C-alpha cells in the first residue's frame, strides 16, 4: 500500500541560468520525501537533463512551446498526490530546514490556505514583495516610485514595508516565486487561471484561495530570490505585465 507523499514541488523552466541547479539542490537537501516536477518550456537548452542528473527522481514534463508560468505549473497538476505543493522559481534558494518548518506550521493551522515567506535579494536586502491585493494606485506606485511621492507611499502601503511584522500575519497576496499551498486546494481551484501567461497569475490565485482560507505571511521563514525583473527591463516584458494587469482588473473589478 502506497502512502500519500507529504510534499510535491513544481519549477517552470524557461531558459533558466545556473541558479536553477542551486534551487534543485535546495530541494534535494530538504529532509523530506519529495515529488519534484520540472516543467520544461525550453527543452532545447538541456537544463532539464542536468536537473535529472542532479535529482534522478525528478519528473520532467517537456512542453512543445513556451506555455507561460501559470499553464506550466498546471501541467504538473494531474500528477500531484501530495498533501502540500510548493511553487518555486528557478532563481530561489533556501535553507534545508525551511520546508519542514513550513509544513509543521500548516499542520498546526489547518485553516490556512497558503503560506508565504519573507523574501530577500542576494545582497541581503528585503524585496518587500506585495502583500496586499493589487489596485491601480498600488501598481502605479510600484512602477513610478522612483519619481518620489505619492508613488513611494503607495508602494510602501502595498508591500507593508512600513510595518514591523514579527508574527505570522494574514495578507492578500502570496508571491508565485515561492509559496506553499494545500494540494487539495490547488486542485480545487483548478490551479492557475491560464489566461494569465505571465504576471498577476499569483495575484489571481491568491484572490481565489482567500475565498477558502487565509494566506499567511511568516516573517521568520526566509528565501533568497535573484529576481531578474524582466518586466521592468524590456518592452516585451512591460507589455506582458500591462496585459496581465488589464486581465486581472477586468476579472475582479477596477479598484483605485
C-alpha atoms as a PDB file:
ATOM      1  CA  UNK A   1       0.000   0.000   0.000  1.00  0.00           C
ATOM      2  CA  UNK A   2       1.452   3.360  -1.000  1.00  0.00           C
ATOM      3  CA  UNK A   3       1.225   6.334   1.313  1.00  0.00           C
ATOM      4  CA  UNK A   4       0.393   9.862   0.303  1.00  0.00           C
ATOM      5  CA  UNK A   5       3.610  11.913  -0.026  1.00  0.00           C
ATOM      6  CA  UNK A   6       3.722  14.955   2.184  1.00  0.00           C
ATOM      7  CA  UNK A   7       5.288  17.317  -0.315  1.00  0.00           C
ATOM      8  CA  UNK A   8       5.472  17.954  -4.040  1.00  0.00           C
ATOM      9  CA  UNK A   9       7.142  20.838  -5.832  1.00  0.00           C
ATOM     10  CA  UNK A  10       6.997  22.334  -9.298  1.00  0.00           C
ATOM     11  CA  UNK A  11       9.508  24.535 -11.115  1.00  0.00           C
ATOM     12  CA  UNK A  12       8.816  26.019 -14.543  1.00  0.00           C
ATOM     13  CA  UNK A  13      11.920  26.281 -16.730  1.00  0.00           C
ATOM     14  CA  UNK A  14      12.332  28.961 -19.363  1.00  0.00           C
ATOM     15  CA  UNK A  15      15.993  29.373 -20.298  1.00  0.00           C
ATOM     16  CA  UNK A  16      16.974  29.272 -16.616  1.00  0.00           C
ATOM     17  CA  UNK A  17      20.526  30.055 -15.616  1.00  0.00           C
ATOM     18  CA  UNK A  18      22.844  28.036 -13.435  1.00  0.00           C
ATOM     19  CA  UNK A  19      20.858  29.133 -10.387  1.00  0.00           C
ATOM     20  CA  UNK A  20      18.217  26.542 -11.322  1.00  0.00           C
ATOM     21  CA  UNK A  21      20.642  23.834 -10.215  1.00  0.00           C
ATOM     22  CA  UNK A  22      21.093  25.617  -6.898  1.00  0.00           C
ATOM     23  CA  UNK A  23      17.314  25.703  -6.414  1.00  0.00           C
ATOM     24  CA  UNK A  24      17.084  21.971  -7.175  1.00  0.00           C
ATOM     25  CA  UNK A  25      19.957  21.318  -4.762  1.00  0.00           C
ATOM     26  CA  UNK A  26      17.977  23.125  -2.052  1.00  0.00           C
ATOM     27  CA  UNK A  27      15.048  20.801  -2.730  1.00  0.00           C
ATOM     28  CA  UNK A  28      17.360  17.797  -2.700  1.00  0.00           C
ATOM     29  CA  UNK A  29      18.791  18.881   0.665  1.00  0.00           C
ATOM     30  CA  UNK A  30      15.334  19.130   2.217  1.00  0.00           C
ATOM     31  CA  UNK A  31      14.978  16.233   4.719  1.00  0.00           C
ATOM     32  CA  UNK A  32      11.570  15.188   3.382  1.00  0.00           C
ATOM     33  CA  UNK A  33      10.406  12.791   0.680  1.00  0.00           C
ATOM     34  CA  UNK A  34       9.628  14.942  -2.339  1.00  0.00           C
ATOM     35  CA  UNK A  35       7.811  14.562  -5.649  1.00  0.00           C
ATOM     36  CA  UNK A  36       9.543  17.129  -7.853  1.00  0.00           C
ATOM     37  CA  UNK A  37       8.260  18.230 -11.263  1.00  0.00           C
ATOM     38  CA  UNK A  38      10.246  20.349 -13.714  1.00  0.00           C
ATOM     39  CA  UNK A  39       8.040  21.741 -16.462  1.00  0.00           C
ATOM     40  CA  UNK A  40      10.390  22.496 -19.329  1.00  0.00           C
ATOM     41  CA  UNK A  41       9.234  25.320 -21.596  1.00  0.00           C
ATOM     42  CA  UNK A  42      12.605  25.322 -23.411  1.00  0.00           C
ATOM     43  CA  UNK A  43      13.721  21.686 -23.720  1.00  0.00           C
ATOM     44  CA  UNK A  44      16.281  22.629 -26.354  1.00  0.00           C
ATOM     45  CA  UNK A  45      18.617  24.236 -23.789  1.00  0.00           C
ATOM     46  CA  UNK A  46      19.395  20.972 -21.967  1.00  0.00           C
ATOM     47  CA  UNK A  47      18.797  22.200 -18.416  1.00  0.00           C
ATOM     48  CA  UNK A  48      16.214  19.507 -17.684  1.00  0.00           C
ATOM     49  CA  UNK A  49      18.798  16.783 -18.313  1.00  0.00           C
ATOM     50  CA  UNK A  50      21.192  18.457 -15.883  1.00  0.00           C
ATOM     51  CA  UNK A  51      18.418  18.657 -13.284  1.00  0.00           C
ATOM     52  CA  UNK A  52      17.639  14.970 -13.805  1.00  0.00           C
ATOM     53  CA  UNK A  53      21.309  14.124 -13.280  1.00  0.00           C
ATOM     54  CA  UNK A  54      21.329  16.105 -10.033  1.00  0.00           C
ATOM     55  CA  UNK A  55      17.983  14.752  -8.807  1.00  0.00           C
ATOM     56  CA  UNK A  56      17.265  11.411 -10.549  1.00  0.00           C
ATOM     57  CA  UNK A  57      13.771  11.177  -9.035  1.00  0.00           C
ATOM     58  CA  UNK A  58      12.708  14.402 -10.789  1.00  0.00           C
ATOM     59  CA  UNK A  59       9.745  14.185 -13.146  1.00  0.00           C
ATOM     60  CA  UNK A  60      10.499  16.139 -16.332  1.00  0.00           C
ATOM     61  CA  UNK A  61       7.458  17.465 -18.211  1.00  0.00           C
ATOM     62  CA  UNK A  62       8.701  18.865 -21.540  1.00  0.00           C
ATOM     63  CA  UNK A  63       6.481  21.299 -23.419  1.00  0.00           C
ATOM     64  CA  UNK A  64       6.419  21.820 -27.182  1.00  0.00           C
ATOM     65  CA  UNK A  65       6.478  25.608 -26.750  1.00  0.00           C
ATOM     66  CA  UNK A  66       6.699  28.252 -24.043  1.00  0.00           C
ATOM     67  CA  UNK A  67       3.294  27.877 -22.409  1.00  0.00           C
ATOM     68  CA  UNK A  68       3.926  30.506 -19.738  1.00  0.00           C
ATOM     69  CA  UNK A  69       4.130  30.350 -15.966  1.00  0.00           C
ATOM     70  CA  UNK A  70       0.565  29.513 -14.980  1.00  0.00           C
ATOM     71  CA  UNK A  71      -0.097  26.923 -17.666  1.00  0.00           C
ATOM     72  CA  UNK A  72       3.339  25.458 -16.995  1.00  0.00           C
ATOM     73  CA  UNK A  73       2.589  24.937 -13.326  1.00  0.00           C
ATOM     74  CA  UNK A  74      -0.783  23.478 -14.227  1.00  0.00           C
ATOM     75  CA  UNK A  75       0.947  20.802 -16.315  1.00  0.00           C
ATOM     76  CA  UNK A  76       2.005  19.126 -13.055  1.00  0.00           C
ATOM     77  CA  UNK A  77      -1.459  19.314 -11.507  1.00  0.00           C
ATOM     78  CA  UNK A  78      -2.811  15.956 -12.810  1.00  0.00           C
ATOM     79  CA  UNK A  79       0.242  14.180 -11.368  1.00  0.00           C
ATOM     80  CA  UNK A  80       0.021  15.526  -7.820  1.00  0.00           C
ATOM     81  CA  UNK A  81      -0.801  13.141  -4.956  1.00  0.00           C
ATOM     82  CA  UNK A  82       0.825  15.112  -2.132  1.00  0.00           C
ATOM     83  CA  UNK A  83      -0.643  16.862   0.887  1.00  0.00           C
ATOM     84  CA  UNK A  84       1.243  20.119   0.243  1.00  0.00           C
ATOM     85  CA  UNK A  85       2.506  21.597  -3.004  1.00  0.00           C
ATOM     86  CA  UNK A  86       5.365  24.052  -3.405  1.00  0.00           C
ATOM     87  CA  UNK A  87       5.653  26.510  -6.267  1.00  0.00           C
ATOM     88  CA  UNK A  88       9.277  27.562  -6.709  1.00  0.00           C
ATOM     89  CA  UNK A  89      11.121  29.687  -9.241  1.00  0.00           C
ATOM     90  CA  UNK A  90      14.498  28.551 -10.587  1.00  0.00           C
ATOM     91  CA  UNK A  91      16.172  31.618  -9.032  1.00  0.00           C
ATOM     92  CA  UNK A  92      15.205  30.876  -5.410  1.00  0.00           C
ATOM     93  CA  UNK A  93      17.344  29.292  -2.693  1.00  0.00           C
ATOM     94  CA  UNK A  94      16.610  28.425   0.932  1.00  0.00           C
ATOM     95  CA  UNK A  95      17.860  26.561   3.998  1.00  0.00           C
ATOM     96  CA  UNK A  96      17.289  22.785   4.386  1.00  0.00           C
ATOM     97  CA  UNK A  97      15.020  23.208   7.404  1.00  0.00           C
ATOM     98  CA  UNK A  98      12.647  25.696   5.776  1.00  0.00           C
ATOM     99  CA  UNK A  99      10.126  23.339   4.179  1.00  0.00           C
ATOM    100  CA  UNK A 100       9.779  21.092   7.263  1.00  0.00           C
ATOM    101  CA  UNK A 101       9.089  24.245   9.283  1.00  0.00           C
ATOM    102  CA  UNK A 102       6.515  25.474   6.785  1.00  0.00           C
ATOM    103  CA  UNK A 103       4.755  22.118   6.709  1.00  0.00           C
ATOM    104  CA  UNK A 104       4.728  21.957  10.511  1.00  0.00           C
ATOM    105  CA  UNK A 105       3.082  25.387  10.588  1.00  0.00           C
ATOM    106  CA  UNK A 106       0.448  24.331   8.054  1.00  0.00           C
ATOM    107  CA  UNK A 107      -0.229  21.139  10.008  1.00  0.00           C
ATOM    108  CA  UNK A 108      -0.749  23.211  13.159  1.00  0.00           C
ATOM    109  CA  UNK A 109      -3.041  25.693  11.363  1.00  0.00           C
ATOM    110  CA  UNK A 110      -5.411  23.673   9.171  1.00  0.00           C
ATOM    111  CA  UNK A 111      -7.436  26.771   8.327  1.00  0.00           C
ATOM    112  CA  UNK A 112      -4.520  28.338   6.416  1.00  0.00           C
ATOM    113  CA  UNK A 113      -4.751  28.022   2.623  1.00  0.00           C
ATOM    114  CA  UNK A 114      -1.308  29.307   1.596  1.00  0.00           C
ATOM    115  CA  UNK A 115       1.906  30.069   3.450  1.00  0.00           C
ATOM    116  CA  UNK A 116       4.242  32.714   2.003  1.00  0.00           C
ATOM    117  CA  UNK A 117       7.717  33.586   3.333  1.00  0.00           C
ATOM    118  CA  UNK A 118       9.870  36.662   3.705  1.00  0.00           C
ATOM    119  CA  UNK A 119      11.916  37.223   0.539  1.00  0.00           C
ATOM    120  CA  UNK A 120      15.438  38.633   0.371  1.00  0.00           C
ATOM    121  CA  UNK A 121      17.718  39.577  -2.514  1.00  0.00           C
ATOM    122  CA  UNK A 122      21.158  38.066  -2.870  1.00  0.00           C
ATOM    123  CA  UNK A 123      22.699  41.173  -1.277  1.00  0.00           C
ATOM    124  CA  UNK A 124      20.596  40.642   1.848  1.00  0.00           C
ATOM    125  CA  UNK A 125      18.111  43.447   1.208  1.00  0.00           C
ATOM    126  CA  UNK A 126      14.435  42.665   1.624  1.00  0.00           C
ATOM    127  CA  UNK A 127      12.367  42.663  -1.544  1.00  0.00           C
ATOM    128  CA  UNK A 128       9.063  43.596   0.124  1.00  0.00           C
ATOM    129  CA  UNK A 129       7.050  41.740  -2.475  1.00  0.00           C
ATOM    130  CA  UNK A 130       3.409  42.911  -2.465  1.00  0.00           C
ATOM    131  CA  UNK A 131       1.357  41.616   0.424  1.00  0.00           C
ATOM    132  CA  UNK A 132      -1.946  43.314  -0.374  1.00  0.00           C
ATOM    133  CA  UNK A 133      -4.248  42.684  -3.304  1.00  0.00           C
ATOM    134  CA  UNK A 134      -3.451  44.897  -6.322  1.00  0.00           C
ATOM    135  CA  UNK A 135      -5.195  48.164  -7.002  1.00  0.00           C
ATOM    136  CA  UNK A 136      -4.441  50.707  -9.714  1.00  0.00           C
ATOM    137  CA  UNK A 137      -2.848  53.030  -7.161  1.00  0.00           C
ATOM    138  CA  UNK A 138      -0.625  50.313  -5.739  1.00  0.00           C
ATOM    139  CA  UNK A 139       0.582  49.152  -9.150  1.00  0.00           C
ATOM    140  CA  UNK A 140       1.334  52.714 -10.217  1.00  0.00           C
ATOM    141  CA  UNK A 141       3.294  53.117  -7.015  1.00  0.00           C
ATOM    142  CA  UNK A 142       5.412  50.116  -7.901  1.00  0.00           C
ATOM    143  CA  UNK A 143       6.221  51.329 -11.403  1.00  0.00           C
ATOM    144  CA  UNK A 144       6.734  55.016 -10.568  1.00  0.00           C
ATOM    145  CA  UNK A 145       8.201  55.032  -7.063  1.00  0.00           C
ATOM    146  CA  UNK A 146      11.493  56.378  -8.414  1.00  0.00           C
ATOM    147  CA  UNK A 147       9.640  59.635  -9.163  1.00  0.00           C
ATOM    148  CA  UNK A 148       9.007  60.258  -5.473  1.00  0.00           C
ATOM    149  CA  UNK A 149       5.733  60.981  -3.705  1.00  0.00           C
ATOM    150  CA  UNK A 150       2.945  59.971  -3.704  1.00  0.00           C
ATOM    151  CA  UNK A 151       4.172  56.875  -5.549  1.00  0.00           C
ATOM    152  CA  UNK A 152       6.604  55.807  -2.843  1.00  0.00           C
ATOM    153  CA  UNK A 153       3.866  55.997  -0.231  1.00  0.00           C
ATOM    154  CA  UNK A 154       1.551  53.884  -2.372  1.00  0.00           C
ATOM    155  CA  UNK A 155       4.300  51.295  -2.880  1.00  0.00           C
ATOM    156  CA  UNK A 156       5.091  51.085   0.850  1.00  0.00           C
ATOM    157  CA  UNK A 157       1.402  50.691   1.640  1.00  0.00           C
ATOM    158  CA  UNK A 158       1.085  47.929  -0.975  1.00  0.00           C
ATOM    159  CA  UNK A 159       4.054  45.957   0.364  1.00  0.00           C
ATOM    160  CA  UNK A 160       3.510  46.669   4.081  1.00  0.00           C
ATOM    161  CA  UNK A 161       7.092  47.937   4.069  1.00  0.00           C
ATOM    162  CA  UNK A 162       6.488  50.406   6.868  1.00  0.00           C
ATOM    163  CA  UNK A 163       5.127  47.811   9.281  1.00  0.00           C
ATOM    164  CA  UNK A 164       7.271  45.928  11.784  1.00  0.00           C
ATOM    165  CA  UNK A 165       5.741  42.495  11.229  1.00  0.00           C
ATOM    166  CA  UNK A 166       7.124  39.999  13.738  1.00  0.00           C
ATOM    167  CA  UNK A 167       4.343  37.423  13.879  1.00  0.00           C
ATOM    168  CA  UNK A 168       2.565  35.379  11.181  1.00  0.00           C
ATOM    169  CA  UNK A 169       0.086  37.784   9.584  1.00  0.00           C
ATOM    170  CA  UNK A 170      -2.831  37.325   7.166  1.00  0.00           C
ATOM    171  CA  UNK A 171      -2.123  39.038   3.835  1.00  0.00           C
ATOM    172  CA  UNK A 172      -3.793  39.410   0.448  1.00  0.00           C
ATOM    173  CA  UNK A 173      -1.019  38.133  -1.780  1.00  0.00           C
ATOM    174  CA  UNK A 174       1.404  35.200  -1.994  1.00  0.00           C
ATOM    175  CA  UNK A 175       4.275  35.564  -4.438  1.00  0.00           C
ATOM    176  CA  UNK A 176       4.417  32.903  -7.121  1.00  0.00           C
ATOM    177  CA  UNK A 177       8.196  32.724  -6.826  1.00  0.00           C
ATOM    178  CA  UNK A 178       7.804  30.602  -3.675  1.00  0.00           C
ATOM    179  CA  UNK A 179       4.578  29.577  -1.984  1.00  0.00           C
ATOM    180  CA  UNK A 180       3.266  26.529  -0.164  1.00  0.00           C
ATOM    181  CA  UNK A 181      -0.352  25.599  -0.837  1.00  0.00           C
ATOM    182  CA  UNK A 182      -2.502  22.672   0.215  1.00  0.00           C
ATOM    183  CA  UNK A 183      -2.553  20.370  -2.798  1.00  0.00           C
ATOM    184  CA  UNK A 184      -6.265  19.635  -2.427  1.00  0.00           C
ATOM    185  CA  UNK A 185      -6.952  23.367  -2.550  1.00  0.00           C
ATOM    186  CA  UNK A 186      -4.692  23.879  -5.575  1.00  0.00           C
ATOM    187  CA  UNK A 187      -6.641  21.139  -7.325  1.00  0.00           C
ATOM    188  CA  UNK A 188      -9.988  22.547  -6.136  1.00  0.00           C
ATOM    189  CA  UNK A 189      -9.088  25.950  -7.603  1.00  0.00           C
ATOM    190  CA  UNK A 190      -8.062  24.347 -10.882  1.00  0.00           C
ATOM    191  CA  UNK A 191      -4.524  25.666 -10.492  1.00  0.00           C
ATOM    192  CA  UNK A 192      -3.703  28.953 -12.173  1.00  0.00           C
ATOM    193  CA  UNK A 193      -6.039  30.816 -14.497  1.00  0.00           C
ATOM    194  CA  UNK A 194      -4.296  30.130 -17.808  1.00  0.00           C
ATOM    195  CA  UNK A 195      -5.478  33.398 -19.310  1.00  0.00           C
ATOM    196  CA  UNK A 196      -2.520  34.926 -17.466  1.00  0.00           C
ATOM    197  CA  UNK A 197       0.568  33.994 -19.490  1.00  0.00           C
ATOM    198  CA  UNK A 198       2.914  35.742 -17.054  1.00  0.00           C
ATOM    199  CA  UNK A 199       2.410  38.259 -14.211  1.00  0.00           C
ATOM    200  CA  UNK A 200      -0.646  38.636 -11.939  1.00  0.00           C
ATOM    201  CA  UNK A 201      -1.386  34.901 -12.064  1.00  0.00           C
ATOM    202  CA  UNK A 202      -0.248  34.714  -8.439  1.00  0.00           C
ATOM    203  CA  UNK A 203      -2.465  37.685  -7.526  1.00  0.00           C
ATOM    204  CA  UNK A 204      -5.406  35.894  -9.114  1.00  0.00           C
ATOM    205  CA  UNK A 205      -4.612  32.592  -7.375  1.00  0.00           C
ATOM    206  CA  UNK A 206      -4.287  34.437  -4.066  1.00  0.00           C
ATOM    207  CA  UNK A 207      -7.638  36.134  -4.576  1.00  0.00           C
ATOM    208  CA  UNK A 208      -9.366  32.824  -5.225  1.00  0.00           C
ATOM    209  CA  UNK A 209      -7.604  31.000  -2.386  1.00  0.00           C
ATOM    210  CA  UNK A 210      -8.702  33.662   0.099  1.00  0.00           C
ATOM    211  CA  UNK A 211     -12.277  32.564  -0.513  1.00  0.00           C
ATOM    212  CA  UNK A 212     -11.369  29.272   1.154  1.00  0.00           C
ATOM    213  CA  UNK A 213      -8.880  30.248   3.856  1.00  0.00           C
ATOM    214  CA  UNK A 214      -6.332  32.895   4.830  1.00  0.00           C
ATOM    215  CA  UNK A 215      -2.954  33.480   3.235  1.00  0.00           C
ATOM    216  CA  UNK A 216      -0.350  33.728   5.971  1.00  0.00           C
ATOM    217  CA  UNK A 217       2.887  35.672   5.659  1.00  0.00           C
ATOM    218  CA  UNK A 218       5.502  34.287   8.061  1.00  0.00           C
ATOM    219  CA  UNK A 219       8.380  36.727   8.719  1.00  0.00           C
ATOM    220  CA  UNK A 220      10.592  34.069  10.338  1.00  0.00           C
ATOM    221  CA  UNK A 221      10.640  31.916   7.203  1.00  0.00           C
ATOM    222  CA  UNK A 222      13.092  33.217   4.593  1.00  0.00           C
ATOM    223  CA  UNK A 223      14.099  32.572   0.983  1.00  0.00           C
ATOM    224  CA  UNK A 224      16.581  34.292  -1.315  1.00  0.00           C
ATOM    225  CA  UNK A 225      15.303  35.377  -4.722  1.00  0.00           C
ATOM    226  CA  UNK A 226      17.612  36.567  -7.507  1.00  0.00           C
ATOM    227  CA  UNK A 227      14.679  38.347  -9.236  1.00  0.00           C
ATOM    228  CA  UNK A 228      15.715  39.364 -12.767  1.00  0.00           C
ATOM    229  CA  UNK A 229      12.618  41.626 -13.111  1.00  0.00           C
ATOM    230  CA  UNK A 230      12.336  41.278 -16.888  1.00  0.00           C
ATOM    231  CA  UNK A 231       9.100  43.279 -16.778  1.00  0.00           C
ATOM    232  CA  UNK A 232      10.985  46.488 -15.972  1.00  0.00           C
ATOM    233  CA  UNK A 233      13.828  45.915 -18.458  1.00  0.00           C
ATOM    234  CA  UNK A 234      12.254  45.017 -21.804  1.00  0.00           C
ATOM    235  CA  UNK A 235       9.388  46.246 -23.935  1.00  0.00           C
ATOM    236  CA  UNK A 236       8.098  42.681 -24.262  1.00  0.00           C
ATOM    237  CA  UNK A 237       8.061  42.242 -20.501  1.00  0.00           C
ATOM    238  CA  UNK A 238       6.312  45.564 -19.959  1.00  0.00           C
ATOM    239  CA  UNK A 239       3.635  44.715 -22.500  1.00  0.00           C
ATOM    240  CA  UNK A 240       3.054  41.319 -20.907  1.00  0.00           C
ATOM    241  CA  UNK A 241       2.717  42.899 -17.500  1.00  0.00           C
ATOM    242  CA  UNK A 242       0.282  45.545 -18.715  1.00  0.00           C
ATOM    243  CA  UNK A 243      -1.790  42.867 -20.470  1.00  0.00           C
ATOM    244  CA  UNK A 244      -1.969  40.809 -17.277  1.00  0.00           C
ATOM    245  CA  UNK A 245      -2.913  43.845 -15.191  1.00  0.00           C
ATOM    246  CA  UNK A 246      -5.783  44.566 -17.583  1.00  0.00           C
ATOM    247  CA  UNK A 247      -6.970  40.961 -17.389  1.00  0.00           C
ATOM    248  CA  UNK A 248      -6.810  40.991 -13.587  1.00  0.00           C
ATOM    249  CA  UNK A 249      -8.925  44.129 -13.194  1.00  0.00           C
ATOM    250  CA  UNK A 250     -11.389  43.060 -15.877  1.00  0.00           C
ATOM    251  CA  UNK A 251     -11.886  39.826 -13.926  1.00  0.00           C
ATOM    252  CA  UNK A 252     -12.019  41.257 -10.403  1.00  0.00           C
ATOM    253  CA  UNK A 253     -13.118  44.852 -10.949  1.00  0.00           C
ATOM    254  CA  UNK A 254     -11.247  48.133 -11.204  1.00  0.00           C
ATOM    255  CA  UNK A 255     -10.140  49.498  -7.842  1.00  0.00           C
ATOM    256  CA  UNK A 256      -8.181  52.683  -7.243  1.00  0.00           C
END
